[in-house]
C-alpha atoms as a PDB file:
ATOM      1  CA  MET A   1       6.257 254.082  86.098  1.00  0.00           C
ATOM      2  CA  ALA A   2       4.296 255.036  89.316  1.00  0.00           C
ATOM      3  CA  LEU A   3       2.684 258.596  89.458  1.00  0.00           C
ATOM      4  CA  LEU A   4       4.114 259.034  92.982  1.00  0.00           C
ATOM      5  CA  THR A   5       7.252 258.038  94.328  1.00  0.00           C
ATOM      6  CA  LYS A   6       7.327 256.968  98.063  1.00  0.00           C
ATOM      7  CA  LYS A   7       8.928 260.298  98.902  1.00  0.00           C
ATOM      8  CA  ASP A   8       6.035 262.341  97.119  1.00  0.00           C
ATOM      9  CA  ALA A   9       3.473 260.048  98.497  1.00  0.00           C
ATOM     10  CA  SER A  10       4.711 260.811 101.993  1.00  0.00           C
ATOM     11  CA  LEU A  11       3.920 264.516 101.325  1.00  0.00           C
ATOM     12  CA  ILE A  12       0.333 263.730 101.197  1.00  0.00           C
ATOM     13  CA  THR A  13       0.195 260.950 103.955  1.00  0.00           C
ATOM     14  CA  ASP A  14       2.299 262.407 106.805  1.00  0.00           C
ATOM     15  CA  PRO A  15       0.223 265.544 107.351  1.00  0.00           C
ATOM     16  CA  LEU A  16      -2.854 263.204 107.919  1.00  0.00           C
ATOM     17  CA  ALA A  17      -1.305 261.576 111.016  1.00  0.00           C
ATOM     18  CA  ASP A  18       2.190 262.056 112.331  1.00  0.00           C
ATOM     19  CA  ASN A  19       2.885 265.542 110.993  1.00  0.00           C
ATOM     20  CA  ASN A  20      -0.761 266.949 111.068  1.00  0.00           C
ATOM     21  CA  PRO A  21      -0.777 270.754 110.798  1.00  0.00           C
ATOM     22  CA  ILE A  22      -3.174 271.146 113.741  1.00  0.00           C
ATOM     23  CA  THR A  23      -2.515 268.400 116.242  1.00  0.00           C
ATOM     24  CA  ILE A  24       1.177 268.296 115.720  1.00  0.00           C
ATOM     25  CA  GLN A  25       2.498 271.504 114.364  1.00  0.00           C
ATOM     26  CA  VAL A  26      -0.286 273.403 116.362  1.00  0.00           C
ATOM     27  CA  LEU A  27      -1.164 275.757 113.391  1.00  0.00           C
ATOM     28  CA  GLY A  28      -4.635 276.868 112.181  1.00  0.00           C
ATOM     29  CA  ILE A  29      -6.108 276.347 115.534  1.00  0.00           C
ATOM     30  CA  CYS A  30      -8.244 279.739 115.300  1.00  0.00           C
ATOM     31  CA  SER A  31     -10.583 278.278 112.354  1.00  0.00           C
ATOM     32  CA  ALA A  32     -10.846 275.015 114.208  1.00  0.00           C
ATOM     33  CA  LEU A  33     -12.353 276.906 117.064  1.00  0.00           C
ATOM     34  CA  ALA A  34     -14.647 279.393 115.151  1.00  0.00           C
ATOM     35  CA  ILE A  35     -16.217 277.426 112.348  1.00  0.00           C
ATOM     36  CA  THR A  36     -16.584 273.740 113.482  1.00  0.00           C
ATOM     37  CA  ALA A  37     -19.935 273.979 115.224  1.00  0.00           C
ATOM     38  CA  GLU A  38     -21.520 272.856 112.089  1.00  0.00           C
ATOM     39  CA  LEU A  39     -20.132 269.890 109.922  1.00  0.00           C
ATOM     40  CA  LYS A  40     -21.147 271.848 106.665  1.00  0.00           C
ATOM     41  CA  ALA A  41     -19.018 274.737 107.334  1.00  0.00           C
ATOM     42  CA  SER A  42     -16.191 272.669 108.354  1.00  0.00           C
ATOM     43  CA  ILE A  43     -16.273 270.692 105.050  1.00  0.00           C
ATOM     44  CA  VAL A  44     -16.487 273.917 103.043  1.00  0.00           C
ATOM     45  CA  MET A  45     -13.673 275.565 105.020  1.00  0.00           C
ATOM     46  CA  ALA A  46     -11.616 272.408 104.441  1.00  0.00           C
ATOM     47  CA  ILE A  47     -12.259 272.503 100.492  1.00  0.00           C
ATOM     48  CA  ALA A  48     -11.520 276.211 100.491  1.00  0.00           C
ATOM     49  CA  VAL A  49      -8.221 275.841 102.173  1.00  0.00           C
ATOM     50  CA  MET A  50      -7.263 272.915  99.972  1.00  0.00           C
ATOM     51  CA  PHE A  51      -7.950 275.085  96.864  1.00  0.00           C
ATOM     52  CA  VAL A  52      -5.893 277.942  98.337  1.00  0.00           C
ATOM     53  CA  LEU A  53      -2.972 275.977  99.555  1.00  0.00           C
ATOM     54  CA  GLY A  54      -2.788 273.467  96.630  1.00  0.00           C
ATOM     55  CA  LEU A  55      -2.919 276.158  93.805  1.00  0.00           C
ATOM     56  CA  GLY A  56      -1.107 278.842  95.990  1.00  0.00           C
ATOM     57  CA  ASN A  57       1.779 276.491  96.569  1.00  0.00           C
ATOM     58  CA  VAL A  58       2.223 275.854  92.727  1.00  0.00           C
ATOM     59  CA  VAL A  59       2.100 279.584  91.987  1.00  0.00           C
ATOM     60  CA  ILE A  60       4.695 280.294  94.617  1.00  0.00           C
ATOM     61  CA  SER A  61       6.887 277.395  93.405  1.00  0.00           C
ATOM     62  CA  LEU A  62       6.644 278.737  89.843  1.00  0.00           C
ATOM     63  CA  MET A  63       7.685 282.227  90.906  1.00  0.00           C
ATOM     64  CA  ARG A  64      10.284 281.238  93.339  1.00  0.00           C
ATOM     65  CA  ASN A  65      13.297 282.029  91.278  1.00  0.00           C
ATOM     66  CA  VAL A  66      12.040 285.610  90.559  1.00  0.00           C
ATOM     67  CA  ILE A  67      10.651 286.683  93.817  1.00  0.00           C
ATOM     68  CA  PRO A  68      13.166 289.172  95.587  1.00  0.00           C
ATOM     69  CA  GLY A  69      13.916 287.805  98.987  1.00  0.00           C
ATOM     70  CA  LYS A  70      12.964 291.305 100.760  1.00  0.00           C
ATOM     71  CA  ILE A  71       9.245 291.203  99.259  1.00  0.00           C
ATOM     72  CA  ARG A  72       8.640 287.417  99.319  1.00  0.00           C
ATOM     73  CA  ILE A  73       6.082 287.840 102.229  1.00  0.00           C
ATOM     74  CA  ILE A  74       4.210 290.585 100.402  1.00  0.00           C
ATOM     75  CA  VAL A  75       4.162 288.476  97.199  1.00  0.00           C
ATOM     76  CA  GLN A  76       2.898 285.384  99.230  1.00  0.00           C
ATOM     77  CA  LEU A  77       0.185 287.430 100.616  1.00  0.00           C
ATOM     78  CA  ILE A  78      -0.887 288.886  97.333  1.00  0.00           C
ATOM     79  CA  VAL A  79      -1.213 285.383  95.925  1.00  0.00           C
ATOM     80  CA  VAL A  80      -3.171 284.073  98.883  1.00  0.00           C
ATOM     81  CA  ALA A  81      -5.445 287.028  98.926  1.00  0.00           C
ATOM     82  CA  ALA A  82      -6.199 286.627  95.209  1.00  0.00           C
ATOM     83  CA  LEU A  83      -7.172 282.883  95.766  1.00  0.00           C
ATOM     84  CA  VAL A  84      -9.251 283.711  98.824  1.00  0.00           C
ATOM     85  CA  ILE A  85     -11.210 286.351  96.944  1.00  0.00           C
ATOM     86  CA  VAL A  86     -11.936 283.671  94.131  1.00  0.00           C
ATOM     87  CA  VAL A  87     -13.303 281.328  97.034  1.00  0.00           C
ATOM     88  CA  ASP A  88     -15.268 284.028  98.639  1.00  0.00           C
ATOM     89  CA  GLN A  89     -17.182 285.129  95.411  1.00  0.00           C
ATOM     90  CA  VAL A  90     -17.818 281.337  94.587  1.00  0.00           C
ATOM     91  CA  LEU A  91     -19.445 280.852  98.009  1.00  0.00           C
ATOM     92  CA  LYS A  92     -21.322 284.149  97.515  1.00  0.00           C
ATOM     93  CA  ALA A  93     -22.610 283.144  94.108  1.00  0.00           C
ATOM     94  CA  PHE A  94     -23.514 279.313  94.928  1.00  0.00           C
ATOM     95  CA  ALA A  95     -23.870 279.127  98.638  1.00  0.00           C
ATOM     96  CA  TYR A  96     -24.727 282.487  99.986  1.00  0.00           C
ATOM     97  CA  GLU A  97     -26.272 281.370 103.278  1.00  0.00           C
ATOM     98  CA  LEU A  98     -22.983 279.471 104.035  1.00  0.00           C
ATOM     99  CA  SER A  99     -20.893 282.164 103.113  1.00  0.00           C
ATOM    100  CA  LYS A 100     -22.775 284.381 105.665  1.00  0.00           C
ATOM    101  CA  THR A 101     -22.015 281.692 108.143  1.00  0.00           C
ATOM    102  CA  LEU A 102     -18.477 281.649 107.480  1.00  0.00           C
ATOM    103  CA  SER A 103     -18.269 285.349 106.896  1.00  0.00           C
ATOM    104  CA  VAL A 104     -15.011 286.841 108.083  1.00  0.00           C
ATOM    105  CA  PHE A 105     -13.359 283.427 108.559  1.00  0.00           C
ATOM    106  CA  VAL A 106     -13.057 283.037 104.710  1.00  0.00           C
ATOM    107  CA  GLY A 107     -11.111 286.030 104.800  1.00  0.00           C
ATOM    108  CA  LEU A 108      -8.929 285.026 107.561  1.00  0.00           C
ATOM    109  CA  ILE A 109      -7.573 282.072 105.199  1.00  0.00           C
ATOM    110  CA  ILE A 110      -5.258 284.794 104.153  1.00  0.00           C
ATOM    111  CA  THR A 111      -3.474 284.904 107.597  1.00  0.00           C
ATOM    112  CA  ASN A 112      -3.830 281.092 108.041  1.00  0.00           C
ATOM    113  CA  CYS A 113      -0.375 280.108 109.236  1.00  0.00           C
ATOM    114  CA  ILE A 114      -0.636 276.743 107.659  1.00  0.00           C
ATOM    115  CA  ILE A 115      -0.861 278.408 104.255  1.00  0.00           C
ATOM    116  CA  MET A 116       1.902 280.880 104.865  1.00  0.00           C
ATOM    117  CA  GLY A 117       4.105 278.382 106.631  1.00  0.00           C
ATOM    118  CA  ARG A 118       3.954 275.984 103.514  1.00  0.00           C
ATOM    119  CA  PHE A 119       4.734 278.794 101.084  1.00  0.00           C
ATOM    120  CA  GLU A 120       7.818 279.930 103.115  1.00  0.00           C
ATOM    121  CA  ALA A 121       8.984 276.366 104.213  1.00  0.00           C
ATOM    122  CA  PHE A 122       8.273 274.376 100.964  1.00  0.00           C
ATOM    123  CA  ALA A 123       6.989 275.991  97.880  1.00  0.00           C
ATOM    124  CA  LEU A 124      10.047 278.458  97.824  1.00  0.00           C
ATOM    125  CA  ALA A 125      12.367 275.531  97.851  1.00  0.00           C
ATOM    126  CA  ASN A 126      10.727 272.872  95.714  1.00  0.00           C
ATOM    127  CA  GLY A 127       9.188 272.439  92.187  1.00  0.00           C
ATOM    128  CA  PRO A 128       5.473 272.846  91.296  1.00  0.00           C
ATOM    129  CA  TRP A 129       4.404 269.285  91.550  1.00  0.00           C
ATOM    130  CA  ARG A 130       5.917 268.594  94.831  1.00  0.00           C
ATOM    131  CA  SER A 131       4.589 271.818  95.991  1.00  0.00           C
ATOM    132  CA  PHE A 132       1.187 270.877  94.954  1.00  0.00           C
ATOM    133  CA  LEU A 133       1.412 267.532  96.804  1.00  0.00           C
ATOM    134  CA  ASP A 134       2.630 269.222  99.751  1.00  0.00           C
ATOM    135  CA  GLY A 135      -0.229 271.753  99.684  1.00  0.00           C
ATOM    136  CA  ILE A 136      -2.881 269.060  99.207  1.00  0.00           C
ATOM    137  CA  GLY A 137      -1.399 266.973 101.894  1.00  0.00           C
ATOM    138  CA  ASN A 138      -1.443 269.643 104.424  1.00  0.00           C
ATOM    139  CA  SER A 139      -4.782 271.007 103.495  1.00  0.00           C
ATOM    140  CA  MET A 140      -6.155 267.454 103.903  1.00  0.00           C
ATOM    141  CA  GLY A 141      -4.834 266.850 107.338  1.00  0.00           C
ATOM    142  CA  TYR A 142      -6.134 270.325 108.250  1.00  0.00           C
ATOM    143  CA  GLY A 143      -9.499 269.521 106.769  1.00  0.00           C
ATOM    144  CA  LEU A 144      -9.531 266.050 108.472  1.00  0.00           C
ATOM    145  CA  ILE A 145      -9.317 267.594 111.704  1.00  0.00           C
ATOM    146  CA  LEU A 146     -12.104 270.106 111.003  1.00  0.00           C
ATOM    147  CA  VAL A 147     -14.450 267.491 109.796  1.00  0.00           C
ATOM    148  CA  ILE A 148     -13.771 265.296 113.008  1.00  0.00           C
ATOM    149  CA  VAL A 149     -14.374 268.284 115.340  1.00  0.00           C
ATOM    150  CA  GLY A 150     -17.286 269.594 113.225  1.00  0.00           C
ATOM    151  CA  PHE A 151     -18.929 265.995 113.356  1.00  0.00           C
ATOM    152  CA  PHE A 152     -18.812 265.615 117.001  1.00  0.00           C
ATOM    153  CA  ARG A 153     -19.658 269.302 117.882  1.00  0.00           C
ATOM    154  CA  GLU A 154     -22.792 269.353 115.689  1.00  0.00           C
ATOM    155  CA  LEU A 155     -23.927 265.789 116.630  1.00  0.00           C
ATOM    156  CA  LEU A 156     -23.633 266.355 120.389  1.00  0.00           C
ATOM    157  CA  GLY A 157     -24.433 270.107 120.515  1.00  0.00           C
ATOM    158  CA  SER A 158     -27.363 270.152 118.184  1.00  0.00           C
ATOM    159  CA  GLY A 159     -28.328 266.399 117.371  1.00  0.00           C
ATOM    160  CA  THR A 160     -27.891 267.118 113.710  1.00  0.00           C
ATOM    161  CA  LEU A 161     -25.472 266.290 110.901  1.00  0.00           C
ATOM    162  CA  LEU A 162     -25.125 268.481 107.978  1.00  0.00           C
ATOM    163  CA  GLY A 163     -28.542 269.956 109.392  1.00  0.00           C
ATOM    164  CA  TYR A 164     -30.396 266.593 109.328  1.00  0.00           C
ATOM    165  CA  LYS A 165     -31.838 265.506 112.572  1.00  0.00           C
ATOM    166  CA  VAL A 166     -30.056 262.169 113.257  1.00  0.00           C
ATOM    167  CA  LEU A 167     -31.033 261.645 116.806  1.00  0.00           C
ATOM    168  CA  GLY A 168     -34.790 262.506 116.543  1.00  0.00           C
ATOM    169  CA  ASP A 169     -36.842 265.675 117.098  1.00  0.00           C
ATOM    170  CA  PRO A 170     -36.100 267.524 120.536  1.00  0.00           C
ATOM    171  CA  ILE A 171     -39.307 269.324 120.455  1.00  0.00           C
ATOM    172  CA  THR A 172     -41.684 266.268 119.962  1.00  0.00           C
ATOM    173  CA  LYS A 173     -39.278 264.072 121.811  1.00  0.00           C
ATOM    174  CA  THR A 174     -38.659 261.444 119.160  1.00  0.00           C
ATOM    175  CA  GLY A 175     -35.725 259.085 118.491  1.00  0.00           C
ATOM    176  CA  LEU A 176     -33.088 259.223 121.195  1.00  0.00           C
ATOM    177  CA  TYR A 177     -34.790 262.273 122.793  1.00  0.00           C
ATOM    178  CA  ALA A 178     -37.621 259.938 123.878  1.00  0.00           C
ATOM    179  CA  THR A 179     -35.163 258.090 126.308  1.00  0.00           C
ATOM    180  CA  GLY A 180     -34.483 261.613 128.091  1.00  0.00           C
ATOM    181  CA  TYR A 181     -31.452 262.518 125.988  1.00  0.00           C
ATOM    182  CA  GLU A 182     -30.823 266.312 125.756  1.00  0.00           C
ATOM    183  CA  ASN A 183     -28.293 268.033 123.468  1.00  0.00           C
ATOM    184  CA  ASN A 184     -25.123 269.434 125.029  1.00  0.00           C
ATOM    185  CA  GLY A 185     -25.144 273.136 124.553  1.00  0.00           C
ATOM    186  CA  PHE A 186     -21.562 273.358 125.647  1.00  0.00           C
ATOM    187  CA  MET A 187     -20.454 271.465 122.409  1.00  0.00           C
ATOM    188  CA  ILE A 188     -21.700 274.455 120.083  1.00  0.00           C
ATOM    189  CA  ILE A 189     -19.234 277.101 121.695  1.00  0.00           C
ATOM    190  CA  PRO A 190     -15.814 277.565 120.652  1.00  0.00           C
ATOM    191  CA  PRO A 191     -14.090 276.168 123.817  1.00  0.00           C
ATOM    192  CA  ALA A 192     -15.564 272.631 123.109  1.00  0.00           C
ATOM    193  CA  ALA A 193     -13.362 272.482 119.973  1.00  0.00           C
ATOM    194  CA  LEU A 194     -10.311 272.733 122.151  1.00  0.00           C
ATOM    195  CA  ILE A 195     -11.633 269.523 124.124  1.00  0.00           C
ATOM    196  CA  VAL A 196     -12.277 267.593 121.099  1.00  0.00           C
ATOM    197  CA  ILE A 197      -8.765 268.627 119.525  1.00  0.00           C
ATOM    198  CA  GLY A 198      -7.321 267.602 122.816  1.00  0.00           C
ATOM    199  CA  ILE A 199      -9.019 264.221 122.830  1.00  0.00           C
ATOM    200  CA  ILE A 200      -7.622 263.861 119.387  1.00  0.00           C
ATOM    201  CA  ILE A 201      -4.163 264.603 120.344  1.00  0.00           C
ATOM    202  CA  TRP A 202      -4.262 262.283 123.243  1.00  0.00           C
ATOM    203  CA  VAL A 203      -5.466 259.564 121.088  1.00  0.00           C
ATOM    204  CA  GLN A 204      -2.769 260.370 118.319  1.00  0.00           C
ATOM    205  CA  ARG A 205       0.061 260.212 120.893  1.00  0.00           C
ATOM    206  CA  SER A 206      -1.309 257.143 122.799  1.00  0.00           C
ATOM    207  CA  LYS A 207      -0.930 255.337 119.434  1.00  0.00           C
ATOM    208  CA  ASN A 208       2.581 256.627 118.590  1.00  0.00           C
ATOM    209  CA  VAL A 209       4.617 257.308 121.685  1.00  0.00           C
ATOM    210  CA  ALA A 210       7.298 259.024 119.351  1.00  0.00           C
ATOM    211  CA  LEU A 211       5.119 262.005 119.219  1.00  0.00           C
ATOM    212  CA  ILE A 212       5.118 262.612 122.885  1.00  0.00           C
ATOM    213  CA  GLU A 213       7.611 265.687 123.608  1.00  0.00           C
ATOM    214  CA  ASP A 214      10.071 265.471 126.191  1.00  0.00           C
ATOM    215  CA  ASN A 215       9.775 267.929 129.140  1.00  0.00           C
END
């Protein structure tokens, strides 16, 4: 018997493309603007959201029949806040410099509309296994866009990837810089993320015209 049915598999695959939380649902834009100037920060944020959303969806699903409707939002916030505290403490213990780079943005995972949206729209109405798959799928879709944006912003803005100089040394003019190439400083400021995301959205809709909204 297959581990995943076709319907279950779609919970993971759909958010990667045709139902992406950032490019289709237009959620989680703030973190995409704020922390994608470096690829490493983008990857860590993607992993953090995957942990919080995947585990949080399971917890909310397990509690769905005992949570009073009037306080369900408060309960959801408590669950996500507890998981974010775990993430924050792990980062401070094992990646302190990176935790300072992400700083307040880790805390803002609590108010990430992707997480609260999946709690409300899916975990409260489905079992733990499907809720886990939904959380992993949506966090992977979110993380995919963050990594793509972080890749191009760091490469074009700083000439590095994960901190390594891949285009050469801009000071001694080696590698690509020997040809007169210069880093694009615009790419390391937040508005550049909007441009990269806009290009991704354009490419996505060019390949699938069904995603184009009617005016």
